[in-house]
């Protein structure tokens, strides 16, 4: 069963993390901490479904709320506060707060959550790699406002899972940027998918899209261990 765990971020503020532990016989020796996007929290259907499915496949998963979502505010915190929250969750993991099978730690998340994960990775936190689900390369309609300055500082492997119709950055926009990075950067394209991986019904059922994303994340994590 998923287990809620308190993580203190400041002396007066805390967030709730949820550990989805893999069954002992199936453990892959991999843990993945995932942060939510700007418009949802860890209880969103996508976050719960993904963490549950990863645990069922033997990967220990953890999700958490940022401070603003824990406090039921709509507007995200500023970058430094988001990064501080990420660091506290990673510290809690290394201190054994989430139990699990240990092993290699990967971090990432959906949209903003993944972007902030990449920023703390660029600053040198102790992780094995990044899983970036719908990376917000730029605000919709503003391709000149790239969020890429920190990416060259990342030293660990990265997986970008991007919808081909993502208004925050298409795979075509991402490719030339990733090719210039020194760390390994893999790009998985969800054909027909938007920023939330929603595809036109004529292409495939959404359940099939989710399984595709799950398979790619699972395969990539195991290859990188």
C-alpha atoms as a PDB file:
ATOM      1  CA  UNK A   1       0.000   0.000   0.000  1.00  0.00           C
ATOM      2  CA  UNK A   2       1.239   3.530  -0.722  1.00  0.00           C
ATOM      3  CA  UNK A   3       2.556   5.138   2.439  1.00  0.00           C
ATOM      4  CA  UNK A   4       2.398   8.896   3.153  1.00  0.00           C
ATOM      5  CA  UNK A   5       5.567  10.286   4.754  1.00  0.00           C
ATOM      6  CA  UNK A   6       6.160  13.765   6.140  1.00  0.00           C
ATOM      7  CA  UNK A   7       9.209  15.646   4.855  1.00  0.00           C
ATOM      8  CA  UNK A   8      10.251  18.811   6.685  1.00  0.00           C
ATOM      9  CA  UNK A   9      11.368  21.509   4.248  1.00  0.00           C
ATOM     10  CA  UNK A  10      11.797  24.444   6.662  1.00  0.00           C
ATOM     11  CA  UNK A  11      11.409  24.635  10.459  1.00  0.00           C
ATOM     12  CA  UNK A  12       7.787  25.657   9.934  1.00  0.00           C
ATOM     13  CA  UNK A  13       6.862  23.987   6.635  1.00  0.00           C
ATOM     14  CA  UNK A  14       6.582  20.399   5.478  1.00  0.00           C
ATOM     15  CA  UNK A  15       5.288  18.428   2.513  1.00  0.00           C
ATOM     16  CA  UNK A  16       3.792  14.987   2.144  1.00  0.00           C
ATOM     17  CA  UNK A  17       5.571  12.361   0.087  1.00  0.00           C
ATOM     18  CA  UNK A  18       4.079   8.996  -0.839  1.00  0.00           C
ATOM     19  CA  UNK A  19       6.196   5.860  -1.159  1.00  0.00           C
ATOM     20  CA  UNK A  20       5.029   3.180  -3.577  1.00  0.00           C
ATOM     21  CA  UNK A  21       7.185   0.230  -2.615  1.00  0.00           C
ATOM     22  CA  UNK A  22       7.908  -2.609  -4.978  1.00  0.00           C
ATOM     23  CA  UNK A  23       7.187  -6.110  -3.749  1.00  0.00           C
ATOM     24  CA  UNK A  24      10.408  -7.575  -2.347  1.00  0.00           C
ATOM     25  CA  UNK A  25      10.802 -10.522  -4.787  1.00  0.00           C
ATOM     26  CA  UNK A  26      10.450  -8.197  -7.789  1.00  0.00           C
ATOM     27  CA  UNK A  27      12.710  -5.337  -6.720  1.00  0.00           C
ATOM     28  CA  UNK A  28      14.960  -4.054  -9.491  1.00  0.00           C
ATOM     29  CA  UNK A  29      17.294  -2.075  -7.223  1.00  0.00           C
ATOM     30  CA  UNK A  30      15.961   1.165  -8.700  1.00  0.00           C
ATOM     31  CA  UNK A  31      14.153   4.069  -7.029  1.00  0.00           C
ATOM     32  CA  UNK A  32      12.472   6.898  -8.929  1.00  0.00           C
ATOM     33  CA  UNK A  33      11.258  10.090  -7.249  1.00  0.00           C
ATOM     34  CA  UNK A  34       8.720  11.991  -9.339  1.00  0.00           C
ATOM     35  CA  UNK A  35       7.477  15.567  -8.892  1.00  0.00           C
ATOM     36  CA  UNK A  36       4.167  16.852 -10.209  1.00  0.00           C
ATOM     37  CA  UNK A  37       3.539  19.586 -12.774  1.00  0.00           C
ATOM     38  CA  UNK A  38       2.459  23.153 -12.090  1.00  0.00           C
ATOM     39  CA  UNK A  39      -1.257  22.573 -12.464  1.00  0.00           C
ATOM     40  CA  UNK A  40      -1.682  19.384 -10.447  1.00  0.00           C
ATOM     41  CA  UNK A  41      -0.356  17.680  -7.322  1.00  0.00           C
ATOM     42  CA  UNK A  42       0.818  14.165  -6.566  1.00  0.00           C
ATOM     43  CA  UNK A  43      -2.768  12.916  -6.326  1.00  0.00           C
ATOM     44  CA  UNK A  44      -3.382  13.539 -10.037  1.00  0.00           C
ATOM     45  CA  UNK A  45      -4.451  10.456 -11.944  1.00  0.00           C
ATOM     46  CA  UNK A  46      -1.275  10.391 -14.033  1.00  0.00           C
ATOM     47  CA  UNK A  47       1.074  10.584 -11.037  1.00  0.00           C
ATOM     48  CA  UNK A  48      -0.779   7.906  -9.058  1.00  0.00           C
ATOM     49  CA  UNK A  49      -1.132   5.593 -12.049  1.00  0.00           C
ATOM     50  CA  UNK A  50       2.518   5.881 -13.037  1.00  0.00           C
ATOM     51  CA  UNK A  51       3.916   5.398  -9.539  1.00  0.00           C
ATOM     52  CA  UNK A  52       1.604   2.432  -8.911  1.00  0.00           C
ATOM     53  CA  UNK A  53       2.527   0.789 -12.217  1.00  0.00           C
ATOM     54  CA  UNK A  54       6.261   1.274 -11.659  1.00  0.00           C
ATOM     55  CA  UNK A  55       6.028  -0.330  -8.208  1.00  0.00           C
ATOM     56  CA  UNK A  56       4.140  -3.270  -9.714  1.00  0.00           C
ATOM     57  CA  UNK A  57       7.075  -3.743 -12.112  1.00  0.00           C
ATOM     58  CA  UNK A  58       9.655  -3.790  -9.303  1.00  0.00           C
ATOM     59  CA  UNK A  59      10.718  -0.140  -9.233  1.00  0.00           C
ATOM     60  CA  UNK A  60      10.366   1.735  -5.949  1.00  0.00           C
ATOM     61  CA  UNK A  61       8.554   5.006  -6.700  1.00  0.00           C
ATOM     62  CA  UNK A  62       8.078   8.135  -4.597  1.00  0.00           C
ATOM     63  CA  UNK A  63       5.919  11.164  -5.324  1.00  0.00           C
ATOM     64  CA  UNK A  64       5.615  14.372  -3.329  1.00  0.00           C
ATOM     65  CA  UNK A  65       3.877  17.733  -3.208  1.00  0.00           C
ATOM     66  CA  UNK A  66       5.715  20.997  -3.546  1.00  0.00           C
ATOM     67  CA  UNK A  67       5.057  23.435  -0.707  1.00  0.00           C
ATOM     68  CA  UNK A  68       2.516  25.512  -2.616  1.00  0.00           C
ATOM     69  CA  UNK A  69       0.430  22.471  -3.547  1.00  0.00           C
ATOM     70  CA  UNK A  70       0.716  21.064  -0.016  1.00  0.00           C
ATOM     71  CA  UNK A  71      -0.678  24.389   1.211  1.00  0.00           C
ATOM     72  CA  UNK A  72      -3.410  24.276  -1.465  1.00  0.00           C
ATOM     73  CA  UNK A  73      -2.197  27.347  -3.282  1.00  0.00           C
ATOM     74  CA  UNK A  74      -2.643  27.645  -7.047  1.00  0.00           C
ATOM     75  CA  UNK A  75       0.468  29.551  -8.044  1.00  0.00           C
ATOM     76  CA  UNK A  76       3.776  27.646  -7.955  1.00  0.00           C
ATOM     77  CA  UNK A  77       6.538  28.795  -5.630  1.00  0.00           C
ATOM     78  CA  UNK A  78       9.564  30.570  -7.031  1.00  0.00           C
ATOM     79  CA  UNK A  79      12.442  28.512  -8.416  1.00  0.00           C
ATOM     80  CA  UNK A  80      14.623  28.644  -5.315  1.00  0.00           C
ATOM     81  CA  UNK A  81      11.796  27.391  -3.103  1.00  0.00           C
ATOM     82  CA  UNK A  82      10.899  24.621  -5.549  1.00  0.00           C
ATOM     83  CA  UNK A  83      14.539  23.537  -5.696  1.00  0.00           C
ATOM     84  CA  UNK A  84      14.861  23.615  -1.895  1.00  0.00           C
ATOM     85  CA  UNK A  85      11.854  21.321  -1.609  1.00  0.00           C
ATOM     86  CA  UNK A  86      13.357  18.890  -4.143  1.00  0.00           C
ATOM     87  CA  UNK A  87      16.637  18.812  -2.217  1.00  0.00           C
ATOM     88  CA  UNK A  88      14.887  18.050   1.066  1.00  0.00           C
ATOM     89  CA  UNK A  89      13.024  15.134  -0.521  1.00  0.00           C
ATOM     90  CA  UNK A  90      16.289  13.758  -1.935  1.00  0.00           C
ATOM     91  CA  UNK A  91      17.952  14.161   1.470  1.00  0.00           C
ATOM     92  CA  UNK A  92      15.050  12.295   3.069  1.00  0.00           C
ATOM     93  CA  UNK A  93      15.520   9.469   0.571  1.00  0.00           C
ATOM     94  CA  UNK A  94      19.239   9.168   1.334  1.00  0.00           C
ATOM     95  CA  UNK A  95      18.412   9.241   5.063  1.00  0.00           C
ATOM     96  CA  UNK A  96      16.178   6.192   4.568  1.00  0.00           C
ATOM     97  CA  UNK A  97      12.831   7.923   5.095  1.00  0.00           C
ATOM     98  CA  UNK A  98      11.114   6.033   2.285  1.00  0.00           C
ATOM     99  CA  UNK A  99      12.432   2.549   3.003  1.00  0.00           C
ATOM    100  CA  UNK A 100      12.346   0.599  -0.213  1.00  0.00           C
ATOM    101  CA  UNK A 101      15.100  -1.438  -1.739  1.00  0.00           C
ATOM    102  CA  UNK A 102      17.770   1.206  -2.010  1.00  0.00           C
ATOM    103  CA  UNK A 103      19.881   0.876  -5.116  1.00  0.00           C
ATOM    104  CA  UNK A 104      20.193   3.538  -7.783  1.00  0.00           C
ATOM    105  CA  UNK A 105      18.216   6.764  -7.330  1.00  0.00           C
ATOM    106  CA  UNK A 106      16.686   8.515 -10.328  1.00  0.00           C
ATOM    107  CA  UNK A 107      14.631  11.694 -10.166  1.00  0.00           C
ATOM    108  CA  UNK A 108      12.297  13.508 -12.513  1.00  0.00           C
ATOM    109  CA  UNK A 109       8.679  14.380 -12.986  1.00  0.00           C
ATOM    110  CA  UNK A 110       5.957  15.855 -15.110  1.00  0.00           C
ATOM    111  CA  UNK A 111       6.568  19.199 -16.797  1.00  0.00           C
ATOM    112  CA  UNK A 112       7.614  21.727 -14.111  1.00  0.00           C
ATOM    113  CA  UNK A 113       8.459  18.951 -11.647  1.00  0.00           C
ATOM    114  CA  UNK A 114      10.910  17.477 -14.133  1.00  0.00           C
ATOM    115  CA  UNK A 115      12.385  20.862 -14.986  1.00  0.00           C
ATOM    116  CA  UNK A 116      13.128  21.596 -11.318  1.00  0.00           C
ATOM    117  CA  UNK A 117      14.590  18.096 -10.962  1.00  0.00           C
ATOM    118  CA  UNK A 118      16.931  18.876 -13.847  1.00  0.00           C
ATOM    119  CA  UNK A 119      17.978  22.120 -12.171  1.00  0.00           C
ATOM    120  CA  UNK A 120      18.947  20.412  -8.909  1.00  0.00           C
ATOM    121  CA  UNK A 121      20.746  17.714 -10.928  1.00  0.00           C
ATOM    122  CA  UNK A 122      22.679  20.441 -12.730  1.00  0.00           C
ATOM    123  CA  UNK A 123      23.738  21.748  -9.315  1.00  0.00           C
ATOM    124  CA  UNK A 124      25.277  18.357  -8.528  1.00  0.00           C
ATOM    125  CA  UNK A 125      22.890  16.385  -6.313  1.00  0.00           C
ATOM    126  CA  UNK A 126      23.642  12.673  -5.927  1.00  0.00           C
ATOM    127  CA  UNK A 127      21.390  10.924  -8.471  1.00  0.00           C
ATOM    128  CA  UNK A 128      21.899   8.329 -11.199  1.00  0.00           C
ATOM    129  CA  UNK A 129      19.752   9.940 -13.875  1.00  0.00           C
ATOM    130  CA  UNK A 130      16.707  11.985 -14.855  1.00  0.00           C
ATOM    131  CA  UNK A 131      13.272  11.043 -16.222  1.00  0.00           C
ATOM    132  CA  UNK A 132      11.662  14.149 -17.747  1.00  0.00           C
ATOM    133  CA  UNK A 133       8.030  13.706 -18.740  1.00  0.00           C
ATOM    134  CA  UNK A 134       6.856  16.512 -21.007  1.00  0.00           C
ATOM    135  CA  UNK A 135       9.807  18.825 -20.497  1.00  0.00           C
ATOM    136  CA  UNK A 136       8.608  22.470 -20.632  1.00  0.00           C
ATOM    137  CA  UNK A 137      11.235  23.704 -23.069  1.00  0.00           C
ATOM    138  CA  UNK A 138       9.521  27.083 -23.348  1.00  0.00           C
ATOM    139  CA  UNK A 139       6.144  28.698 -22.535  1.00  0.00           C
ATOM    140  CA  UNK A 140       3.496  27.992 -25.195  1.00  0.00           C
ATOM    141  CA  UNK A 141       3.824  30.406 -28.085  1.00  0.00           C
ATOM    142  CA  UNK A 142       7.143  31.773 -26.820  1.00  0.00           C
ATOM    143  CA  UNK A 143       9.848  29.561 -28.366  1.00  0.00           C
ATOM    144  CA  UNK A 144      12.482  32.233 -27.766  1.00  0.00           C
ATOM    145  CA  UNK A 145      12.198  31.804 -23.974  1.00  0.00           C
ATOM    146  CA  UNK A 146      14.158  28.564 -23.710  1.00  0.00           C
ATOM    147  CA  UNK A 147      14.666  26.810 -20.375  1.00  0.00           C
ATOM    148  CA  UNK A 148      17.924  25.155 -21.337  1.00  0.00           C
ATOM    149  CA  UNK A 149      20.759  27.184 -19.820  1.00  0.00           C
ATOM    150  CA  UNK A 150      21.387  24.646 -17.045  1.00  0.00           C
ATOM    151  CA  UNK A 151      21.166  21.481 -19.141  1.00  0.00           C
ATOM    152  CA  UNK A 152      24.858  21.369 -20.211  1.00  0.00           C
ATOM    153  CA  UNK A 153      25.861  21.219 -16.529  1.00  0.00           C
ATOM    154  CA  UNK A 154      24.044  17.911 -16.010  1.00  0.00           C
ATOM    155  CA  UNK A 155      26.462  14.979 -15.812  1.00  0.00           C
ATOM    156  CA  UNK A 156      24.018  12.059 -15.556  1.00  0.00           C
ATOM    157  CA  UNK A 157      21.899  10.329 -18.237  1.00  0.00           C
ATOM    158  CA  UNK A 158      18.545  11.860 -19.135  1.00  0.00           C
ATOM    159  CA  UNK A 159      15.337  10.521 -20.670  1.00  0.00           C
ATOM    160  CA  UNK A 160      12.959  13.016 -22.293  1.00  0.00           C
ATOM    161  CA  UNK A 161       9.463  11.677 -23.049  1.00  0.00           C
ATOM    162  CA  UNK A 162       7.821  14.282 -25.278  1.00  0.00           C
ATOM    163  CA  UNK A 163       4.522  14.443 -27.138  1.00  0.00           C
ATOM    164  CA  UNK A 164       4.894  15.251 -30.832  1.00  0.00           C
ATOM    165  CA  UNK A 165       2.294  18.040 -30.444  1.00  0.00           C
ATOM    166  CA  UNK A 166       3.598  19.452 -27.148  1.00  0.00           C
ATOM    167  CA  UNK A 167       2.968  23.230 -27.116  1.00  0.00           C
ATOM    168  CA  UNK A 168       5.735  23.590 -24.506  1.00  0.00           C
ATOM    169  CA  UNK A 169       8.308  22.175 -26.913  1.00  0.00           C
ATOM    170  CA  UNK A 170       8.166  19.607 -29.684  1.00  0.00           C
ATOM    171  CA  UNK A 171      10.660  16.786 -30.191  1.00  0.00           C
ATOM    172  CA  UNK A 172      11.954  18.687 -33.235  1.00  0.00           C
ATOM    173  CA  UNK A 173      12.777  21.646 -30.994  1.00  0.00           C
ATOM    174  CA  UNK A 174      14.403  19.425 -28.374  1.00  0.00           C
ATOM    175  CA  UNK A 175      16.613  17.309 -30.643  1.00  0.00           C
ATOM    176  CA  UNK A 176      19.249  19.905 -31.600  1.00  0.00           C
ATOM    177  CA  UNK A 177      19.556  20.954 -27.966  1.00  0.00           C
ATOM    178  CA  UNK A 178      20.024  17.397 -26.716  1.00  0.00           C
ATOM    179  CA  UNK A 179      22.590  16.646 -29.415  1.00  0.00           C
ATOM    180  CA  UNK A 180      24.846  19.348 -27.992  1.00  0.00           C
ATOM    181  CA  UNK A 181      24.860  17.921 -24.457  1.00  0.00           C
ATOM    182  CA  UNK A 182      27.811  15.887 -23.214  1.00  0.00           C
ATOM    183  CA  UNK A 183      25.749  13.630 -20.923  1.00  0.00           C
ATOM    184  CA  UNK A 184      23.661  10.894 -22.593  1.00  0.00           C
ATOM    185  CA  UNK A 185      20.209  12.249 -23.478  1.00  0.00           C
ATOM    186  CA  UNK A 186      17.559   9.953 -24.947  1.00  0.00           C
ATOM    187  CA  UNK A 187      14.364  11.236 -26.540  1.00  0.00           C
ATOM    188  CA  UNK A 188      11.180   9.162 -26.617  1.00  0.00           C
ATOM    189  CA  UNK A 189       8.394  10.589 -28.791  1.00  0.00           C
ATOM    190  CA  UNK A 190       4.702  10.038 -28.046  1.00  0.00           C
ATOM    191  CA  UNK A 191       3.286  10.300 -31.561  1.00  0.00           C
ATOM    192  CA  UNK A 192       0.258  12.570 -31.654  1.00  0.00           C
ATOM    193  CA  UNK A 193       0.607  13.402 -27.978  1.00  0.00           C
ATOM    194  CA  UNK A 194       0.173  16.846 -26.471  1.00  0.00           C
ATOM    195  CA  UNK A 195       1.810  18.113 -23.265  1.00  0.00           C
ATOM    196  CA  UNK A 196      -0.276  15.631 -21.244  1.00  0.00           C
ATOM    197  CA  UNK A 197       0.265  12.804 -23.784  1.00  0.00           C
ATOM    198  CA  UNK A 198      -3.339  13.013 -24.942  1.00  0.00           C
ATOM    199  CA  UNK A 199      -3.661  11.762 -28.520  1.00  0.00           C
ATOM    200  CA  UNK A 200      -6.519  11.914 -31.042  1.00  0.00           C
ATOM    201  CA  UNK A 201      -8.866   8.972 -30.544  1.00  0.00           C
ATOM    202  CA  UNK A 202      -8.277   7.765 -34.095  1.00  0.00           C
ATOM    203  CA  UNK A 203      -4.599   7.069 -33.314  1.00  0.00           C
ATOM    204  CA  UNK A 204      -4.834   4.831 -30.247  1.00  0.00           C
ATOM    205  CA  UNK A 205      -6.622   4.489 -26.883  1.00  0.00           C
ATOM    206  CA  UNK A 206      -5.170   6.550 -24.025  1.00  0.00           C
ATOM    207  CA  UNK A 207      -4.549   3.360 -22.051  1.00  0.00           C
ATOM    208  CA  UNK A 208      -2.211   2.229 -24.816  1.00  0.00           C
ATOM    209  CA  UNK A 209      -0.391   5.567 -24.708  1.00  0.00           C
ATOM    210  CA  UNK A 210       0.152   5.190 -20.972  1.00  0.00           C
ATOM    211  CA  UNK A 211       1.514   1.669 -21.411  1.00  0.00           C
ATOM    212  CA  UNK A 212       3.902   2.937 -24.080  1.00  0.00           C
ATOM    213  CA  UNK A 213       5.247   5.639 -21.739  1.00  0.00           C
ATOM    214  CA  UNK A 214       5.475   3.156 -18.867  1.00  0.00           C
ATOM    215  CA  UNK A 215       7.353   0.622 -21.019  1.00  0.00           C
ATOM    216  CA  UNK A 216       9.839   3.252 -22.186  1.00  0.00           C
ATOM    217  CA  UNK A 217      10.540   4.566 -18.679  1.00  0.00           C
ATOM    218  CA  UNK A 218      10.881   1.041 -17.279  1.00  0.00           C
ATOM    219  CA  UNK A 219      13.199  -0.085 -20.086  1.00  0.00           C
ATOM    220  CA  UNK A 220      15.364   3.033 -19.870  1.00  0.00           C
ATOM    221  CA  UNK A 221      15.794   2.817 -16.091  1.00  0.00           C
ATOM    222  CA  UNK A 222      16.883  -0.819 -16.248  1.00  0.00           C
ATOM    223  CA  UNK A 223      19.310  -0.085 -19.073  1.00  0.00           C
ATOM    224  CA  UNK A 224      20.902   2.722 -17.083  1.00  0.00           C
ATOM    225  CA  UNK A 225      21.513   0.669 -13.926  1.00  0.00           C
END
